[in-house]
C-alpha atoms as a PDB file:
ATOM      1  CA  MET A   1      55.371   1.097 -80.926  1.00  0.00           C
ATOM      2  CA  LYS A   2      58.299   1.925 -83.211  1.00  0.00           C
ATOM      3  CA  ILE A   3      61.509   0.204 -82.087  1.00  0.00           C
ATOM      4  CA  LEU A   4      65.047   0.837 -83.316  1.00  0.00           C
ATOM      5  CA  VAL A   5      67.382  -2.161 -82.977  1.00  0.00           C
ATOM      6  CA  THR A   6      71.105  -1.515 -83.343  1.00  0.00           C
ATOM      7  CA  GLY A   7      73.183  -4.512 -84.336  1.00  0.00           C
ATOM      8  CA  SER A   8      70.213  -5.834 -86.302  1.00  0.00           C
ATOM      9  CA  SER A   9      72.418  -8.051 -88.484  1.00  0.00           C
ATOM     10  CA  GLY A  10      73.895  -9.862 -85.489  1.00  0.00           C
ATOM     11  CA  THR A  11      72.773 -13.018 -83.730  1.00  0.00           C
ATOM     12  CA  ILE A  12      70.410 -11.500 -81.171  1.00  0.00           C
ATOM     13  CA  GLY A  13      69.472  -8.606 -83.440  1.00  0.00           C
ATOM     14  CA  THR A  14      68.299 -10.809 -86.306  1.00  0.00           C
ATOM     15  CA  ARG A  15      66.158 -13.026 -84.096  1.00  0.00           C
ATOM     16  CA  LEU A  16      64.780 -10.065 -82.119  1.00  0.00           C
ATOM     17  CA  CYS A  17      63.737  -8.228 -85.297  1.00  0.00           C
ATOM     18  CA  GLU A  18      62.030 -11.394 -86.564  1.00  0.00           C
ATOM     19  CA  ARG A  19      60.055 -11.758 -83.354  1.00  0.00           C
ATOM     20  CA  LEU A  20      59.146  -8.065 -83.163  1.00  0.00           C
ATOM     21  CA  LEU A  21      57.842  -8.179 -86.741  1.00  0.00           C
ATOM     22  CA  GLU A  22      55.809 -11.306 -85.941  1.00  0.00           C
ATOM     23  CA  GLN A  23      54.182  -9.377 -83.106  1.00  0.00           C
ATOM     24  CA  LYS A  24      53.378  -6.435 -85.401  1.00  0.00           C
ATOM     25  CA  PHE A  25      55.814  -3.903 -83.973  1.00  0.00           C
ATOM     26  CA  GLU A  26      57.249  -1.318 -86.354  1.00  0.00           C
ATOM     27  CA  VAL A  27      60.986  -2.056 -86.534  1.00  0.00           C
ATOM     28  CA  VAL A  28      63.995  -0.102 -87.777  1.00  0.00           C
ATOM     29  CA  GLY A  29      67.298  -1.971 -87.910  1.00  0.00           C
ATOM     30  CA  VAL A  30      70.749  -0.395 -87.764  1.00  0.00           C
ATOM     31  CA  ASP A  31      74.004  -2.135 -88.658  1.00  0.00           C
ATOM     32  CA  TRP A  32      77.227  -1.518 -90.546  1.00  0.00           C
ATOM     33  CA  GLU A  33      76.988  -5.023 -92.043  1.00  0.00           C
ATOM     34  CA  PRO A  34      74.248  -6.457 -94.279  1.00  0.00           C
ATOM     35  CA  ASN A  35      71.970  -9.083 -92.780  1.00  0.00           C
ATOM     36  CA  LYS A  36      73.039 -12.333 -94.434  1.00  0.00           C
ATOM     37  CA  TRP A  37      70.352 -14.399 -92.727  1.00  0.00           C
ATOM     38  CA  GLN A  38      66.942 -12.798 -93.187  1.00  0.00           C
ATOM     39  CA  PRO A  39      65.909 -10.703 -96.217  1.00  0.00           C
ATOM     40  CA  ALA A  40      62.969  -9.261 -94.269  1.00  0.00           C
ATOM     41  CA  VAL A  41      65.335  -7.887 -91.621  1.00  0.00           C
ATOM     42  CA  GLU A  42      67.785  -6.655 -94.254  1.00  0.00           C
ATOM     43  CA  GLN A  43      64.992  -4.662 -95.903  1.00  0.00           C
ATOM     44  CA  LEU A  44      64.345  -2.682 -92.738  1.00  0.00           C
ATOM     45  CA  THR A  45      68.018  -2.181 -91.827  1.00  0.00           C
ATOM     46  CA  ILE A  46      69.731   1.179 -92.313  1.00  0.00           C
ATOM     47  CA  ARG A  47      73.435   0.808 -93.030  1.00  0.00           C
ATOM     48  CA  ILE A  48      75.369   3.258 -90.869  1.00  0.00           C
ATOM     49  CA  ASP A  49      78.468   3.284 -88.681  1.00  0.00           C
ATOM     50  CA  LEU A  50      77.413   4.330 -85.198  1.00  0.00           C
ATOM     51  CA  ARG A  51      80.946   5.473 -84.402  1.00  0.00           C
ATOM     52  CA  HIS A  52      80.380   8.548 -86.582  1.00  0.00           C
ATOM     53  CA  GLU A  53      78.012  11.111 -85.121  1.00  0.00           C
ATOM     54  CA  GLU A  54      77.160  12.672 -88.473  1.00  0.00           C
ATOM     55  CA  GLU A  55      75.807   9.369 -89.771  1.00  0.00           C
ATOM     56  CA  MET A  56      73.169   9.343 -87.042  1.00  0.00           C
ATOM     57  CA  LYS A  57      71.286  11.923 -89.103  1.00  0.00           C
ATOM     58  CA  LYS A  58      70.221   9.073 -91.411  1.00  0.00           C
ATOM     59  CA  LEU A  59      68.061   7.606 -88.664  1.00  0.00           C
ATOM     60  CA  PRO A  60      64.300   8.257 -88.702  1.00  0.00           C
ATOM     61  CA  THR A  61      62.417  10.231 -86.088  1.00  0.00           C
ATOM     62  CA  GLY A  62      59.414   9.031 -84.138  1.00  0.00           C
ATOM     63  CA  ILE A  63      61.237   6.159 -82.425  1.00  0.00           C
ATOM     64  CA  ASP A  64      59.645   5.026 -79.146  1.00  0.00           C
ATOM     65  CA  CYS A  65      62.388   2.684 -77.920  1.00  0.00           C
ATOM     66  CA  VAL A  66      66.022   1.880 -78.764  1.00  0.00           C
ATOM     67  CA  ILE A  67      67.407  -1.611 -78.114  1.00  0.00           C
ATOM     68  CA  HIS A  68      71.168  -1.142 -78.362  1.00  0.00           C
ATOM     69  CA  LEU A  69      72.776  -4.480 -79.188  1.00  0.00           C
ATOM     70  CA  ALA A  70      75.558  -3.265 -81.494  1.00  0.00           C
ATOM     71  CA  ALA A  71      79.063  -3.981 -80.159  1.00  0.00           C
ATOM     72  CA  ASN A  72      82.387  -5.606 -80.830  1.00  0.00           C
ATOM     73  CA  ALA A  73      81.583  -8.617 -78.680  1.00  0.00           C
ATOM     74  CA  ARG A  74      84.478 -11.087 -78.842  1.00  0.00           C
ATOM     75  CA  VAL A  75      86.307 -10.734 -75.527  1.00  0.00           C
ATOM     76  CA  TYR A  76      89.735 -12.010 -76.552  1.00  0.00           C
ATOM     77  CA  GLU A  77      89.667 -10.079 -79.840  1.00  0.00           C
ATOM     78  CA  LEU A  78      89.403  -6.913 -77.751  1.00  0.00           C
ATOM     79  CA  VAL A  79      92.351  -8.065 -75.659  1.00  0.00           C
ATOM     80  CA  GLU A  80      94.311  -8.215 -78.913  1.00  0.00           C
ATOM     81  CA  HIS A  81      92.688  -5.071 -80.364  1.00  0.00           C
ATOM     82  CA  PRO A  82      91.735  -2.788 -77.452  1.00  0.00           C
ATOM     83  CA  ASP A  83      90.743   0.034 -79.811  1.00  0.00           C
ATOM     84  CA  ARG A  84      87.550  -1.964 -80.440  1.00  0.00           C
ATOM     85  CA  ALA A  85      86.559  -1.329 -76.825  1.00  0.00           C
ATOM     86  CA  ARG A  86      86.765   2.396 -77.575  1.00  0.00           C
ATOM     87  CA  ASP A  87      84.391   1.780 -80.500  1.00  0.00           C
ATOM     88  CA  ASN A  88      81.896   0.139 -78.115  1.00  0.00           C
ATOM     89  CA  PHE A  89      81.944   3.142 -75.808  1.00  0.00           C
ATOM     90  CA  LEU A  90      81.635   5.593 -78.693  1.00  0.00           C
ATOM     91  CA  THR A  91      78.720   3.804 -80.344  1.00  0.00           C
ATOM     92  CA  THR A  92      76.880   3.652 -77.029  1.00  0.00           C
ATOM     93  CA  PHE A  93      77.460   7.350 -76.377  1.00  0.00           C
ATOM     94  CA  ASN A  94      76.403   8.362 -79.889  1.00  0.00           C
ATOM     95  CA  THR A  95      73.253   6.237 -79.738  1.00  0.00           C
ATOM     96  CA  LEU A  96      72.264   7.570 -76.321  1.00  0.00           C
ATOM     97  CA  GLU A  97      72.882  11.160 -77.386  1.00  0.00           C
ATOM     98  CA  TRP A  98      70.922  10.682 -80.596  1.00  0.00           C
ATOM     99  CA  ALA A  99      68.069   9.221 -78.537  1.00  0.00           C
ATOM    100  CA  ARG A 100      68.167  12.154 -76.105  1.00  0.00           C
ATOM    101  CA  THR A 101      68.185  14.854 -78.776  1.00  0.00           C
ATOM    102  CA  ASN A 102      65.415  13.145 -80.745  1.00  0.00           C
ATOM    103  CA  GLY A 103      63.080  12.663 -77.805  1.00  0.00           C
ATOM    104  CA  VAL A 104      63.351   8.882 -77.552  1.00  0.00           C
ATOM    105  CA  LYS A 105      62.108   8.012 -74.076  1.00  0.00           C
ATOM    106  CA  ARG A 106      63.143   4.373 -73.721  1.00  0.00           C
ATOM    107  CA  PHE A 107      66.555   2.725 -74.090  1.00  0.00           C
ATOM    108  CA  VAL A 108      67.646  -0.890 -73.548  1.00  0.00           C
ATOM    109  CA  PHE A 109      71.397  -1.577 -73.297  1.00  0.00           C
ATOM    110  CA  ALA A 110      72.891  -5.013 -73.948  1.00  0.00           C
ATOM    111  CA  SER A 111      75.663  -5.631 -71.441  1.00  0.00           C
ATOM    112  CA  SER A 112      77.487  -8.833 -70.538  1.00  0.00           C
ATOM    113  CA  ARG A 113      78.234 -11.353 -67.830  1.00  0.00           C
ATOM    114  CA  GLU A 114      81.888 -10.319 -68.335  1.00  0.00           C
ATOM    115  CA  THR A 115      81.143  -7.316 -66.105  1.00  0.00           C
ATOM    116  CA  TYR A 116      81.203  -9.665 -63.073  1.00  0.00           C
ATOM    117  CA  GLY A 117      84.825 -10.695 -63.570  1.00  0.00           C
ATOM    118  CA  ASN A 118      86.402 -13.618 -61.727  1.00  0.00           C
ATOM    119  CA  SER A 119      85.529 -13.054 -58.072  1.00  0.00           C
ATOM    120  CA  GLY A 120      84.745 -16.744 -57.508  1.00  0.00           C
ATOM    121  CA  ALA A 121      81.090 -16.400 -56.492  1.00  0.00           C
ATOM    122  CA  PRO A 122      78.941 -19.536 -56.938  1.00  0.00           C
ATOM    123  CA  LYS A 123      76.220 -17.398 -58.559  1.00  0.00           C
ATOM    124  CA  TYR A 124      76.156 -13.787 -59.687  1.00  0.00           C
ATOM    125  CA  SER A 125      73.285 -11.434 -58.904  1.00  0.00           C
ATOM    126  CA  GLU A 126      72.898  -8.016 -60.495  1.00  0.00           C
ATOM    127  CA  ASP A 127      74.392  -6.103 -57.548  1.00  0.00           C
ATOM    128  CA  MET A 128      77.800  -7.820 -57.772  1.00  0.00           C
ATOM    129  CA  VAL A 129      79.569  -5.860 -60.523  1.00  0.00           C
ATOM    130  CA  ARG A 130      82.747  -4.101 -59.319  1.00  0.00           C
ATOM    131  CA  VAL A 131      85.233  -2.048 -61.321  1.00  0.00           C
ATOM    132  CA  GLU A 132      88.108  -3.780 -59.550  1.00  0.00           C
ATOM    133  CA  HIS A 133      86.992  -7.085 -61.128  1.00  0.00           C
ATOM    134  CA  CYS A 134      87.308  -5.675 -64.660  1.00  0.00           C
ATOM    135  CA  GLU A 135      89.317  -8.282 -66.599  1.00  0.00           C
ATOM    136  CA  SER A 136      89.533  -6.876 -70.131  1.00  0.00           C
ATOM    137  CA  PRO A 137      88.979  -3.871 -72.424  1.00  0.00           C
ATOM    138  CA  TYR A 138      85.704  -5.490 -73.505  1.00  0.00           C
ATOM    139  CA  THR A 139      84.563  -5.637 -69.886  1.00  0.00           C
ATOM    140  CA  ALA A 140      85.576  -2.009 -69.433  1.00  0.00           C
ATOM    141  CA  SER A 141      83.506  -1.003 -72.470  1.00  0.00           C
ATOM    142  CA  LYS A 142      80.421  -2.686 -71.000  1.00  0.00           C
ATOM    143  CA  ILE A 143      80.860  -1.291 -67.475  1.00  0.00           C
ATOM    144  CA  ALA A 144      81.388   2.156 -68.996  1.00  0.00           C
ATOM    145  CA  GLY A 145      78.323   1.678 -71.195  1.00  0.00           C
ATOM    146  CA  GLU A 146      76.222   0.793 -68.169  1.00  0.00           C
ATOM    147  CA  ALA A 147      77.481   3.935 -66.423  1.00  0.00           C
ATOM    148  CA  LEU A 148      76.560   6.073 -69.433  1.00  0.00           C
ATOM    149  CA  VAL A 149      73.070   4.583 -69.570  1.00  0.00           C
ATOM    150  CA  GLU A 150      72.574   5.209 -65.865  1.00  0.00           C
ATOM    151  CA  SER A 151      73.766   8.800 -66.251  1.00  0.00           C
ATOM    152  CA  TYR A 152      71.240   9.472 -69.028  1.00  0.00           C
ATOM    153  CA  ARG A 153      68.495   8.040 -66.841  1.00  0.00           C
ATOM    154  CA  ARG A 154      69.427  10.274 -63.931  1.00  0.00           C
ATOM    155  CA  CYS A 155      70.353  13.442 -65.835  1.00  0.00           C
ATOM    156  CA  TYR A 156      67.785  13.445 -68.618  1.00  0.00           C
ATOM    157  CA  GLY A 157      64.924  11.329 -67.343  1.00  0.00           C
ATOM    158  CA  MET A 158      65.343   8.646 -69.999  1.00  0.00           C
ATOM    159  CA  GLU A 159      63.688   5.325 -69.137  1.00  0.00           C
ATOM    160  CA  THR A 160      66.435   2.706 -69.326  1.00  0.00           C
ATOM    161  CA  VAL A 161      67.007  -1.007 -68.791  1.00  0.00           C
ATOM    162  CA  ILE A 162      70.347  -2.854 -68.727  1.00  0.00           C
ATOM    163  CA  VAL A 163      70.506  -6.529 -69.698  1.00  0.00           C
ATOM    164  CA  ARG A 164      73.513  -8.759 -69.005  1.00  0.00           C
ATOM    165  CA  PHE A 165      73.619 -11.641 -71.484  1.00  0.00           C
ATOM    166  CA  SER A 166      75.726 -14.796 -71.215  1.00  0.00           C
ATOM    167  CA  ASN A 167      76.869 -16.960 -74.159  1.00  0.00           C
ATOM    168  CA  VAL A 168      73.823 -16.530 -76.373  1.00  0.00           C
ATOM    169  CA  TYR A 169      73.807 -19.253 -79.035  1.00  0.00           C
ATOM    170  CA  GLY A 170      71.523 -21.174 -81.357  1.00  0.00           C
ATOM    171  CA  MET A 171      71.339 -19.648 -84.837  1.00  0.00           C
ATOM    172  CA  TYR A 172      72.324 -16.689 -87.026  1.00  0.00           C
ATOM    173  CA  ASP A 173      75.994 -16.775 -86.036  1.00  0.00           C
ATOM    174  CA  ASP A 174      78.998 -17.706 -88.183  1.00  0.00           C
ATOM    175  CA  SER A 175      81.535 -15.978 -85.933  1.00  0.00           C
ATOM    176  CA  GLU A 176      84.349 -17.480 -83.861  1.00  0.00           C
ATOM    177  CA  ARG A 177      82.044 -17.884 -80.857  1.00  0.00           C
ATOM    178  CA  VAL A 178      82.467 -21.301 -79.356  1.00  0.00           C
ATOM    179  CA  VAL A 179      79.218 -23.038 -80.381  1.00  0.00           C
ATOM    180  CA  PRO A 180      79.238 -22.236 -84.122  1.00  0.00           C
ATOM    181  CA  LEU A 181      83.033 -22.604 -84.175  1.00  0.00           C
ATOM    182  CA  PHE A 182      82.946 -26.117 -82.710  1.00  0.00           C
ATOM    183  CA  ILE A 183      80.129 -27.121 -85.082  1.00  0.00           C
ATOM    184  CA  ARG A 184      82.151 -25.964 -88.104  1.00  0.00           C
ATOM    185  CA  GLN A 185      85.312 -27.640 -86.842  1.00  0.00           C
ATOM    186  CA  THR A 186      83.680 -30.967 -86.007  1.00  0.00           C
ATOM    187  CA  LYS A 187      82.024 -31.033 -89.427  1.00  0.00           C
ATOM    188  CA  LYS A 188      85.533 -30.982 -90.940  1.00  0.00           C
ATOM    189  CA  ASN A 189      86.975 -33.271 -88.222  1.00  0.00           C
ATOM    190  CA  GLU A 190      89.348 -30.482 -87.243  1.00  0.00           C
ATOM    191  CA  PRO A 191      90.873 -30.338 -83.735  1.00  0.00           C
ATOM    192  CA  LEU A 192      88.972 -28.447 -81.011  1.00  0.00           C
ATOM    193  CA  VAL A 193      90.993 -26.249 -78.668  1.00  0.00           C
ATOM    194  CA  ILE A 194      89.615 -25.408 -75.223  1.00  0.00           C
ATOM    195  CA  PHE A 195      91.177 -22.482 -73.405  1.00  0.00           C
ATOM    196  CA  GLY A 196      90.877 -23.507 -69.768  1.00  0.00           C
ATOM    197  CA  LYS A 197      89.993 -27.027 -68.632  1.00  0.00           C
ATOM    198  CA  GLU A 198      87.911 -25.771 -65.689  1.00  0.00           C
ATOM    199  CA  LYS A 199      86.081 -23.040 -67.617  1.00  0.00           C
ATOM    200  CA  LYS A 200      82.312 -23.225 -66.981  1.00  0.00           C
ATOM    201  CA  LEU A 201      79.780 -20.749 -68.341  1.00  0.00           C
ATOM    202  CA  ASP A 202      76.035 -20.174 -68.416  1.00  0.00           C
ATOM    203  CA  PHE A 203      74.788 -20.796 -71.974  1.00  0.00           C
ATOM    204  CA  THR A 204      71.604 -19.031 -73.117  1.00  0.00           C
ATOM    205  CA  TYR A 205      69.580 -20.274 -76.077  1.00  0.00           C
ATOM    206  CA  ILE A 206      68.737 -17.439 -78.462  1.00  0.00           C
ATOM    207  CA  ASP A 207      64.960 -17.672 -78.075  1.00  0.00           C
ATOM    208  CA  ASP A 208      65.234 -17.430 -74.289  1.00  0.00           C
ATOM    209  CA  ALA A 209      67.374 -14.302 -74.630  1.00  0.00           C
ATOM    210  CA  VAL A 210      64.932 -12.710 -77.068  1.00  0.00           C
ATOM    211  CA  ASP A 211      61.949 -13.689 -74.899  1.00  0.00           C
ATOM    212  CA  GLY A 212      63.578 -11.661 -72.129  1.00  0.00           C
ATOM    213  CA  LEU A 213      63.906  -8.596 -74.351  1.00  0.00           C
ATOM    214  CA  LEU A 214      60.271  -8.890 -75.418  1.00  0.00           C
ATOM    215  CA  LEU A 215      59.232  -9.022 -71.763  1.00  0.00           C
ATOM    216  CA  ILE A 216      61.070  -5.727 -71.214  1.00  0.00           C
ATOM    217  CA  VAL A 217      59.362  -4.097 -74.208  1.00  0.00           C
ATOM    218  CA  LYS A 218      55.940  -5.166 -72.939  1.00  0.00           C
ATOM    219  CA  ASN A 219      56.598  -4.337 -69.279  1.00  0.00           C
ATOM    220  CA  PHE A 220      58.804  -1.280 -69.601  1.00  0.00           C
ATOM    221  CA  GLU A 221      57.286   0.689 -66.760  1.00  0.00           C
ATOM    222  CA  LYS A 222      58.055  -2.175 -64.387  1.00  0.00           C
ATOM    223  CA  ALA A 223      61.553  -2.730 -65.832  1.00  0.00           C
ATOM    224  CA  ASN A 224      62.556   0.943 -65.947  1.00  0.00           C
ATOM    225  CA  GLY A 225      65.778   1.698 -64.074  1.00  0.00           C
ATOM    226  CA  GLN A 226      66.611  -1.970 -63.535  1.00  0.00           C
ATOM    227  CA  THR A 227      69.422  -4.337 -64.533  1.00  0.00           C
ATOM    228  CA  PHE A 228      68.673  -7.986 -65.331  1.00  0.00           C
ATOM    229  CA  ASN A 229      70.657 -11.161 -65.878  1.00  0.00           C
ATOM    230  CA  PHE A 230      69.338 -13.120 -68.858  1.00  0.00           C
ATOM    231  CA  ALA A 231      70.759 -16.654 -68.879  1.00  0.00           C
ATOM    232  CA  PHE A 232      69.555 -20.177 -68.120  1.00  0.00           C
ATOM    233  CA  GLY A 233      70.844 -20.210 -64.561  1.00  0.00           C
ATOM    234  CA  GLU A 234      73.289 -23.111 -64.675  1.00  0.00           C
ATOM    235  CA  ALA A 235      76.877 -23.502 -65.866  1.00  0.00           C
ATOM    236  CA  HIS A 236      78.415 -26.091 -68.179  1.00  0.00           C
ATOM    237  CA  SER A 237      82.062 -26.636 -68.982  1.00  0.00           C
ATOM    238  CA  ILE A 238      83.544 -26.008 -72.403  1.00  0.00           C
ATOM    239  CA  VAL A 239      84.834 -29.597 -72.260  1.00  0.00           C
ATOM    240  CA  GLU A 240      81.242 -30.800 -71.878  1.00  0.00           C
ATOM    241  CA  LEU A 241      80.204 -28.609 -74.809  1.00  0.00           C
ATOM    242  CA  ALA A 242      82.994 -29.960 -77.010  1.00  0.00           C
ATOM    243  CA  ASP A 243      82.160 -33.581 -76.173  1.00  0.00           C
ATOM    244  CA  LEU A 244      78.455 -33.014 -76.838  1.00  0.00           C
ATOM    245  CA  ILE A 245      78.961 -31.332 -80.219  1.00  0.00           C
ATOM    246  CA  LYS A 246      81.548 -33.921 -81.243  1.00  0.00           C
ATOM    247  CA  ASN A 247      79.117 -36.751 -80.478  1.00  0.00           C
ATOM    248  CA  LEU A 248      76.171 -35.040 -82.171  1.00  0.00           C
ATOM    249  CA  MET A 249      78.254 -34.396 -85.281  1.00  0.00           C
ATOM    250  CA  ARG A 250      79.697 -37.947 -85.225  1.00  0.00           C
ATOM    251  CA  SER A 251      83.084 -36.323 -85.589  1.00  0.00           C
ATOM    252  CA  SER A 252      86.604 -37.635 -85.143  1.00  0.00           C
ATOM    253  CA  SER A 253      87.892 -34.232 -84.010  1.00  0.00           C
ATOM    254  CA  SER A 254      90.516 -34.324 -81.282  1.00  0.00           C
ATOM    255  CA  ILE A 255      90.095 -32.142 -78.186  1.00  0.00           C
ATOM    256  CA  THR A 256      93.105 -30.187 -76.903  1.00  0.00           C
ATOM    257  CA  LEU A 257      93.169 -28.423 -73.537  1.00  0.00           C
ATOM    258  CA  GLY A 258      95.058 -25.134 -73.471  1.00  0.00           C
ATOM    259  CA  SER A 259      95.596 -22.494 -70.817  1.00  0.00           C
ATOM    260  CA  ALA A 260      92.892 -19.997 -69.959  1.00  0.00           C
ATOM    261  CA  ARG A 261      93.217 -16.820 -72.012  1.00  0.00           C
ATOM    262  CA  THR A 262      93.907 -13.398 -70.575  1.00  0.00           C
ATOM    263  CA  GLY A 263      90.864 -11.250 -69.942  1.00  0.00           C
ATOM    264  CA  GLU A 264      88.128 -13.899 -69.994  1.00  0.00           C
ATOM    265  CA  VAL A 265      85.682 -14.862 -67.271  1.00  0.00           C
ATOM    266  CA  THR A 266      86.346 -18.483 -66.366  1.00  0.00           C
ATOM    267  CA  ASN A 267      83.380 -19.469 -64.195  1.00  0.00           C
ATOM    268  CA  TYR A 268      79.922 -17.938 -64.348  1.00  0.00           C
ATOM    269  CA  THR A 269      76.447 -18.972 -63.270  1.00  0.00           C
ATOM    270  CA  ALA A 270      73.714 -16.338 -63.415  1.00  0.00           C
ATOM    271  CA  ASP A 271      71.270 -15.676 -60.622  1.00  0.00           C
ATOM    272  CA  ILE A 272      68.090 -15.022 -62.643  1.00  0.00           C
ATOM    273  CA  ALA A 273      65.734 -14.674 -59.664  1.00  0.00           C
ATOM    274  CA  LYS A 274      65.232 -10.937 -60.210  1.00  0.00           C
ATOM    275  CA  ALA A 275      64.249 -11.358 -63.874  1.00  0.00           C
ATOM    276  CA  ARG A 276      61.897 -14.201 -62.903  1.00  0.00           C
ATOM    277  CA  LYS A 277      60.206 -12.155 -60.184  1.00  0.00           C
ATOM    278  CA  MET A 278      59.918  -8.789 -61.932  1.00  0.00           C
ATOM    279  CA  LEU A 279      59.415  -9.831 -65.563  1.00  0.00           C
ATOM    280  CA  GLY A 280      58.267 -13.436 -65.451  1.00  0.00           C
ATOM    281  CA  PHE A 281      61.441 -14.459 -67.300  1.00  0.00           C
ATOM    282  CA  ASP A 282      61.393 -18.241 -67.637  1.00  0.00           C
ATOM    283  CA  PRO A 283      64.074 -19.762 -69.899  1.00  0.00           C
ATOM    284  CA  LYS A 284      62.756 -22.876 -71.612  1.00  0.00           C
ATOM    285  CA  VAL A 285      65.733 -24.437 -73.411  1.00  0.00           C
ATOM    286  CA  PRO A 286      68.281 -26.344 -71.304  1.00  0.00           C
ATOM    287  CA  PHE A 287      71.875 -26.798 -72.419  1.00  0.00           C
ATOM    288  CA  VAL A 288      71.747 -30.246 -74.050  1.00  0.00           C
ATOM    289  CA  GLU A 289      68.493 -29.557 -75.884  1.00  0.00           C
ATOM    290  CA  GLY A 290      69.741 -26.166 -77.067  1.00  0.00           C
ATOM    291  CA  VAL A 291      73.012 -27.549 -78.405  1.00  0.00           C
ATOM    292  CA  LYS A 292      71.104 -30.300 -80.247  1.00  0.00           C
ATOM    293  CA  MET A 293      68.809 -27.676 -81.803  1.00  0.00           C
ATOM    294  CA  SER A 294      71.847 -25.594 -82.781  1.00  0.00           C
ATOM    295  CA  VAL A 295      73.560 -28.529 -84.480  1.00  0.00           C
ATOM    296  CA  GLU A 296      70.363 -29.261 -86.401  1.00  0.00           C
ATOM    297  CA  TRP A 297      69.992 -25.613 -87.465  1.00  0.00           C
ATOM    298  CA  TYR A 298      73.573 -25.219 -88.671  1.00  0.00           C
ATOM    299  CA  SER A 299      73.619 -28.645 -90.332  1.00  0.00           C
ATOM    300  CA  LYS A 300      70.869 -27.479 -92.696  1.00  0.00           C
ATOM    301  CA  ARG A 301      72.788 -24.352 -93.729  1.00  0.00           C
END
């Protein structure tokens, strides 16, 4: 099977390409940034900007499956720069249309737990997304992307799967996401700022997230037409995360509690029963163990 991975220089993309190569899949990466982490992934990555339709002509034919991970993925950055949400929609449309016109039968779309909004449910199952709970331009770009994917399934017979990730962490990330950010800040004994004292989210270790994607690739007929939550299935507060990283790093960083930021989901626990039942999804790395592994990984780099 020949698989095209967009966003191959990102956190999930890098690890997914590694694992696909280990399992002897033929892999083509796509990203507008070089892969700073893995030379093997960089070698197979085509540098194009998916916002521009004409650049899609650089992509090879004979692709069996697209895994579309590429996106502007920082929620609050899209609150400040909503044009980046437009980019997300455009790259999804261009990638779907390229897949359709080039006879690619299978398409996996990376969505987000942000699509659930802040309705106050104790757990969120896949049938609970509502437009009226849309909190931010980022959320809108993911709900719209899901709608596009569904339309291509219904109109053109494409086999599609939607995956909603939640706080994927662990390695290959030097962004402002909270886990690598707190590790960098505690290393320098800089203050940690938490936006929302009560904020609790479902953290997903990178290998668990990638295991889920591999299960889709290997069981596509069963997964076709479905949406899945990929997470660990339990929530932890950002305060707990900050305390844990601070202790692991033996840091003197102070912790400051600020107000919750506009546009962000503040409490999320995934219901992963559907992914367990249909795919055999079984996340292995609990929160404390995963954060310890992350600190160890970043401390060596």
